[in-house]
Amino acid sequence: MTMEIKIMIPQEPKAKVMLWTDISYHDMERLNKIQSIPELQITLCELLEIDVPNPKRGILLDLYVQTVFYCRENNFKPTQTSTLLSILKSIHKINAETVINNIEHCHTYCKELLLCHSVRQPPFSIDLYNSEEVTSIYKYIYNSYMRHYRLYKFVFTPQLKLDLSLTYSDSTDQNVAATSA
């Protein structure tokens, strides 16, 4: 049985404001009260709608839990934490949507998203992060996700196998082979 997989060509994603996109204000209040990692994982799995089998679920949850800890260490406001989680989720979605190497698209998209959340130009962007926070966030995303881009790509995209078989239709080649034997 051969399963046919369509290869999606990477598209240039458009950056947009992600304030309260995946996690609401009330959800952030709930997240901020949680101290245990297992409870945080269960809550993030529910809030970010992570519906993939293990070990993929564990990999994503580790990324998001570490992001919550990063935000706590840097004293981010609930709006900033919610937005950063949505940014990471969006970057991961772009990465995993195709088997084709789209690291440049993901990297450009990441920078555009950060810019979109650091400059005030309503309705296209808001000034949620200051320049120091943007620099810190960019380093965090680079070290936690972009640096391991190929690993995420390998785990979260279907693997392709090329089965190549050649058939010659010219009968003169077969006669030459038969007479020389």
C-alpha atoms as a PDB file:
ATOM      1  CA  MET A   1       0.000   0.000   0.000  1.00  0.00           C
ATOM      2  CA  THR A   2       1.495   3.323  -1.049  1.00  0.00           C
ATOM      3  CA  MET A   3       0.520   6.435   0.813  1.00  0.00           C
ATOM      4  CA  GLU A   4       0.735   9.573  -1.240  1.00  0.00           C
ATOM      5  CA  ILE A   5       1.902  12.673   0.605  1.00  0.00           C
ATOM      6  CA  LYS A   6       1.631  16.121  -0.904  1.00  0.00           C
ATOM      7  CA  ILE A   7       4.650  18.286  -0.246  1.00  0.00           C
ATOM      8  CA  MET A   8       3.655  21.798   0.717  1.00  0.00           C
ATOM      9  CA  ILE A   9       5.886  24.542  -0.582  1.00  0.00           C
ATOM     10  CA  PRO A  10       6.849  26.889   2.262  1.00  0.00           C
ATOM     11  CA  GLN A  11       4.820  30.082   2.227  1.00  0.00           C
ATOM     12  CA  GLU A  12       5.965  33.463   3.465  1.00  0.00           C
ATOM     13  CA  PRO A  13       3.936  33.873   6.665  1.00  0.00           C
ATOM     14  CA  LYS A  14       2.631  37.304   7.609  1.00  0.00           C
ATOM     15  CA  ALA A  15       3.377  38.557  11.109  1.00  0.00           C
ATOM     16  CA  LYS A  16       0.381  39.702  13.120  1.00  0.00           C
ATOM     17  CA  VAL A  17      -0.316  40.785  16.664  1.00  0.00           C
ATOM     18  CA  MET A  18      -0.668  37.701  18.870  1.00  0.00           C
ATOM     19  CA  LEU A  19      -1.883  39.289  22.079  1.00  0.00           C
ATOM     20  CA  TRP A  20      -4.135  36.775  23.876  1.00  0.00           C
ATOM     21  CA  THR A  21      -4.218  34.553  20.770  1.00  0.00           C
ATOM     22  CA  ASP A  22      -3.879  31.165  22.464  1.00  0.00           C
ATOM     23  CA  ILE A  23      -3.938  31.912  26.182  1.00  0.00           C
ATOM     24  CA  SER A  24      -6.454  34.340  27.665  1.00  0.00           C
ATOM     25  CA  TYR A  25      -6.011  36.659  30.620  1.00  0.00           C
ATOM     26  CA  HIS A  26      -7.877  34.241  32.919  1.00  0.00           C
ATOM     27  CA  ASP A  27      -5.801  31.320  31.625  1.00  0.00           C
ATOM     28  CA  MET A  28      -2.640  33.276  32.436  1.00  0.00           C
ATOM     29  CA  GLU A  29      -3.889  33.849  35.994  1.00  0.00           C
ATOM     30  CA  ARG A  30      -4.363  30.098  36.262  1.00  0.00           C
ATOM     31  CA  LEU A  31      -0.890  29.396  34.812  1.00  0.00           C
ATOM     32  CA  ASN A  32       0.809  31.844  37.156  1.00  0.00           C
ATOM     33  CA  LYS A  33      -0.566  30.011  40.209  1.00  0.00           C
ATOM     34  CA  ILE A  34       0.835  26.643  39.086  1.00  0.00           C
ATOM     35  CA  GLN A  35       4.224  25.679  40.518  1.00  0.00           C
ATOM     36  CA  SER A  36       4.560  21.964  39.726  1.00  0.00           C
ATOM     37  CA  ILE A  37       5.888  20.939  36.316  1.00  0.00           C
ATOM     38  CA  PRO A  38       3.385  18.064  35.759  1.00  0.00           C
ATOM     39  CA  GLU A  39       0.432  20.345  36.490  1.00  0.00           C
ATOM     40  CA  LEU A  40       1.939  23.046  34.263  1.00  0.00           C
ATOM     41  CA  GLN A  41       2.328  20.495  31.445  1.00  0.00           C
ATOM     42  CA  ILE A  42      -1.286  19.343  31.748  1.00  0.00           C
ATOM     43  CA  THR A  43      -2.559  22.927  31.724  1.00  0.00           C
ATOM     44  CA  LEU A  44      -0.376  23.990  28.775  1.00  0.00           C
ATOM     45  CA  CYS A  45      -1.410  20.888  26.828  1.00  0.00           C
ATOM     46  CA  GLU A  46      -5.039  21.893  27.318  1.00  0.00           C
ATOM     47  CA  LEU A  47      -4.587  25.625  26.655  1.00  0.00           C
ATOM     48  CA  LEU A  48      -2.342  25.299  23.599  1.00  0.00           C
ATOM     49  CA  GLU A  49      -4.423  22.394  22.241  1.00  0.00           C
ATOM     50  CA  ILE A  50      -1.484  20.029  21.905  1.00  0.00           C
ATOM     51  CA  ASP A  51      -3.005  16.922  20.391  1.00  0.00           C
ATOM     52  CA  VAL A  52      -0.042  14.839  19.288  1.00  0.00           C
ATOM     53  CA  PRO A  53       1.067  11.430  20.576  1.00  0.00           C
ATOM     54  CA  ASN A  54       4.017  10.946  22.907  1.00  0.00           C
ATOM     55  CA  PRO A  55       6.994  11.529  22.614  1.00  0.00           C
ATOM     56  CA  LYS A  56       6.074  14.494  20.369  1.00  0.00           C
ATOM     57  CA  ARG A  57       3.776  15.880  23.057  1.00  0.00           C
ATOM     58  CA  GLY A  58       6.595  15.725  25.602  1.00  0.00           C
ATOM     59  CA  ILE A  59       8.960  17.605  23.312  1.00  0.00           C
ATOM     60  CA  LEU A  60       6.474  20.438  22.763  1.00  0.00           C
ATOM     61  CA  LEU A  61       5.528  20.579  26.426  1.00  0.00           C
ATOM     62  CA  ASP A  62       9.198  20.852  27.422  1.00  0.00           C
ATOM     63  CA  LEU A  63       9.561  23.807  25.056  1.00  0.00           C
ATOM     64  CA  TYR A  64       6.479  25.561  26.436  1.00  0.00           C
ATOM     65  CA  VAL A  65       7.234  24.813  30.114  1.00  0.00           C
ATOM     66  CA  GLN A  66      10.755  26.182  29.696  1.00  0.00           C
ATOM     67  CA  THR A  67       9.257  29.256  28.030  1.00  0.00           C
ATOM     68  CA  VAL A  68       6.975  29.828  31.021  1.00  0.00           C
ATOM     69  CA  PHE A  69      10.003  29.533  33.341  1.00  0.00           C
ATOM     70  CA  TYR A  70      11.960  31.932  31.132  1.00  0.00           C
ATOM     71  CA  CYS A  71       9.111  34.454  31.364  1.00  0.00           C
ATOM     72  CA  ARG A  72       8.926  34.065  35.132  1.00  0.00           C
ATOM     73  CA  GLU A  73      12.692  34.562  35.504  1.00  0.00           C
ATOM     74  CA  ASN A  74      12.475  37.754  33.450  1.00  0.00           C
ATOM     75  CA  ASN A  75       9.411  39.040  35.345  1.00  0.00           C
ATOM     76  CA  PHE A  76       7.258  39.198  32.240  1.00  0.00           C
ATOM     77  CA  LYS A  77       3.695  40.414  32.545  1.00  0.00           C
ATOM     78  CA  PRO A  78       0.871  37.979  31.702  1.00  0.00           C
ATOM     79  CA  THR A  79       0.396  39.709  28.334  1.00  0.00           C
ATOM     80  CA  GLN A  80       4.055  39.190  27.472  1.00  0.00           C
ATOM     81  CA  THR A  81       4.067  35.530  28.528  1.00  0.00           C
ATOM     82  CA  SER A  82       0.877  34.736  26.628  1.00  0.00           C
ATOM     83  CA  THR A  83       2.218  36.444  23.509  1.00  0.00           C
ATOM     84  CA  LEU A  84       5.604  34.701  23.658  1.00  0.00           C
ATOM     85  CA  LEU A  85       3.926  31.296  23.951  1.00  0.00           C
ATOM     86  CA  SER A  86       1.781  32.134  20.912  1.00  0.00           C
ATOM     87  CA  ILE A  87       4.834  33.318  18.974  1.00  0.00           C
ATOM     88  CA  LEU A  88       6.666  30.050  19.658  1.00  0.00           C
ATOM     89  CA  LYS A  89       3.581  28.006  18.765  1.00  0.00           C
ATOM     90  CA  SER A  90       3.260  29.928  15.494  1.00  0.00           C
ATOM     91  CA  ILE A  91       6.939  29.501  14.582  1.00  0.00           C
ATOM     92  CA  HIS A  92       6.690  25.772  15.295  1.00  0.00           C
ATOM     93  CA  LYS A  93       3.561  25.501  13.139  1.00  0.00           C
ATOM     94  CA  ILE A  94       5.372  27.151  10.203  1.00  0.00           C
ATOM     95  CA  ASN A  95       8.346  24.815  10.666  1.00  0.00           C
ATOM     96  CA  ALA A  96       6.257  21.637  10.838  1.00  0.00           C
ATOM     97  CA  GLU A  97       3.894  22.402   7.949  1.00  0.00           C
ATOM     98  CA  THR A  98       6.315  21.192   5.274  1.00  0.00           C
ATOM     99  CA  VAL A  99       9.158  18.710   4.888  1.00  0.00           C
ATOM    100  CA  ILE A 100      11.077  21.246   2.825  1.00  0.00           C
ATOM    101  CA  ASN A 101      13.790  23.166   4.643  1.00  0.00           C
ATOM    102  CA  ASN A 102      12.181  26.486   5.549  1.00  0.00           C
ATOM    103  CA  ILE A 103      14.537  27.725   8.243  1.00  0.00           C
ATOM    104  CA  GLU A 104      14.944  31.083   6.497  1.00  0.00           C
ATOM    105  CA  HIS A 105      11.161  31.573   6.458  1.00  0.00           C
ATOM    106  CA  CYS A 106      10.955  30.653  10.149  1.00  0.00           C
ATOM    107  CA  HIS A 107      13.832  32.933  11.081  1.00  0.00           C
ATOM    108  CA  THR A 108      12.426  35.881   9.141  1.00  0.00           C
ATOM    109  CA  TYR A 109       8.962  35.227  10.559  1.00  0.00           C
ATOM    110  CA  CYS A 110      10.383  35.169  14.096  1.00  0.00           C
ATOM    111  CA  LYS A 111      12.080  38.533  13.606  1.00  0.00           C
ATOM    112  CA  GLU A 112       8.941  40.040  12.077  1.00  0.00           C
ATOM    113  CA  LEU A 113       6.811  38.776  14.968  1.00  0.00           C
ATOM    114  CA  LEU A 114       9.188  40.288  17.503  1.00  0.00           C
ATOM    115  CA  LEU A 115       9.199  43.567  15.626  1.00  0.00           C
ATOM    116  CA  CYS A 116       5.408  43.461  15.440  1.00  0.00           C
ATOM    117  CA  HIS A 117       5.292  43.259  19.245  1.00  0.00           C
ATOM    118  CA  SER A 118       7.905  45.913  19.982  1.00  0.00           C
ATOM    119  CA  VAL A 119       6.850  48.929  17.905  1.00  0.00           C
ATOM    120  CA  ARG A 120       3.610  50.821  18.358  1.00  0.00           C
ATOM    121  CA  GLN A 121       1.790  51.165  15.027  1.00  0.00           C
ATOM    122  CA  PRO A 122      -1.847  50.192  15.579  1.00  0.00           C
ATOM    123  CA  PRO A 123      -3.462  48.039  14.278  1.00  0.00           C
ATOM    124  CA  PHE A 124      -0.410  46.339  12.792  1.00  0.00           C
ATOM    125  CA  SER A 125       1.857  46.272  15.831  1.00  0.00           C
ATOM    126  CA  ILE A 126       1.979  47.019  19.537  1.00  0.00           C
ATOM    127  CA  ASP A 127       4.770  47.959  21.900  1.00  0.00           C
ATOM    128  CA  LEU A 128       4.535  44.987  24.228  1.00  0.00           C
ATOM    129  CA  TYR A 129       8.297  44.392  24.566  1.00  0.00           C
ATOM    130  CA  ASN A 130      11.062  46.966  24.940  1.00  0.00           C
ATOM    131  CA  SER A 131      14.362  46.666  23.049  1.00  0.00           C
ATOM    132  CA  GLU A 132      16.173  44.790  25.850  1.00  0.00           C
ATOM    133  CA  GLU A 133      13.318  42.311  26.135  1.00  0.00           C
ATOM    134  CA  VAL A 134      13.242  41.779  22.370  1.00  0.00           C
ATOM    135  CA  THR A 135      16.982  41.068  22.372  1.00  0.00           C
ATOM    136  CA  SER A 136      16.593  38.647  25.261  1.00  0.00           C
ATOM    137  CA  ILE A 137      13.580  36.934  23.665  1.00  0.00           C
ATOM    138  CA  TYR A 138      15.361  36.603  20.337  1.00  0.00           C
ATOM    139  CA  LYS A 139      18.338  34.944  22.053  1.00  0.00           C
ATOM    140  CA  TYR A 140      15.972  32.664  23.945  1.00  0.00           C
ATOM    141  CA  ILE A 141      14.074  31.611  20.801  1.00  0.00           C
ATOM    142  CA  TYR A 142      17.327  31.105  18.935  1.00  0.00           C
ATOM    143  CA  ASN A 143      18.857  28.963  21.687  1.00  0.00           C
ATOM    144  CA  SER A 144      15.729  26.979  22.535  1.00  0.00           C
ATOM    145  CA  TYR A 145      14.131  26.498  19.113  1.00  0.00           C
ATOM    146  CA  MET A 146      16.047  27.746  16.080  1.00  0.00           C
ATOM    147  CA  ARG A 147      19.265  26.107  17.176  1.00  0.00           C
ATOM    148  CA  HIS A 148      17.387  22.788  17.216  1.00  0.00           C
ATOM    149  CA  TYR A 149      15.335  23.545  14.108  1.00  0.00           C
ATOM    150  CA  ARG A 150      16.340  20.338  12.302  1.00  0.00           C
ATOM    151  CA  LEU A 151      15.437  18.210  15.299  1.00  0.00           C
ATOM    152  CA  TYR A 152      11.944  19.736  15.451  1.00  0.00           C
ATOM    153  CA  LYS A 153      11.644  19.365  11.674  1.00  0.00           C
ATOM    154  CA  PHE A 154      12.641  15.677  11.865  1.00  0.00           C
ATOM    155  CA  VAL A 155      10.272  14.840  14.719  1.00  0.00           C
ATOM    156  CA  PHE A 156       7.187  16.792  13.622  1.00  0.00           C
ATOM    157  CA  THR A 157       7.062  16.336   9.841  1.00  0.00           C
ATOM    158  CA  PRO A 158       6.312  13.088   8.004  1.00  0.00           C
ATOM    159  CA  GLN A 159       9.350  11.358   6.597  1.00  0.00           C
ATOM    160  CA  LEU A 160       9.559  10.952   2.850  1.00  0.00           C
ATOM    161  CA  LYS A 161      11.039   7.947   1.147  1.00  0.00           C
ATOM    162  CA  LEU A 162      11.935   8.116  -2.520  1.00  0.00           C
ATOM    163  CA  ASP A 163      11.358   4.850  -4.364  1.00  0.00           C
ATOM    164  CA  LEU A 164      12.958   5.206  -7.766  1.00  0.00           C
ATOM    165  CA  SER A 165      12.754   2.483 -10.395  1.00  0.00           C
ATOM    166  CA  LEU A 166      13.851   2.838 -13.995  1.00  0.00           C
ATOM    167  CA  THR A 167      12.308   1.026 -16.958  1.00  0.00           C
ATOM    168  CA  TYR A 168      13.798   1.175 -20.432  1.00  0.00           C
ATOM    169  CA  SER A 169      11.336   1.091 -23.288  1.00  0.00           C
ATOM    170  CA  ASP A 170      13.745   1.080 -26.249  1.00  0.00           C
ATOM    171  CA  SER A 171      13.849  -2.519 -27.609  1.00  0.00           C
ATOM    172  CA  THR A 172      17.173  -2.003 -29.465  1.00  0.00           C
ATOM    173  CA  ASP A 173      18.999  -1.767 -26.121  1.00  0.00           C
ATOM    174  CA  GLN A 174      17.580  -5.164 -25.108  1.00  0.00           C
ATOM    175  CA  ASN A 175      18.702  -6.777 -28.416  1.00  0.00           C
ATOM    176  CA  VAL A 176      22.251  -5.430 -27.999  1.00  0.00           C
ATOM    177  CA  ALA A 177      22.426  -6.814 -24.487  1.00  0.00           C
ATOM    178  CA  ALA A 178      21.112 -10.222 -25.646  1.00  0.00           C
ATOM    179  CA  THR A 179      23.582 -10.577 -28.562  1.00  0.00           C
ATOM    180  CA  SER A 180      26.612  -9.601 -26.521  1.00  0.00           C
ATOM    181  CA  ALA A 181      25.881 -12.288 -23.909  1.00  0.00           C
END
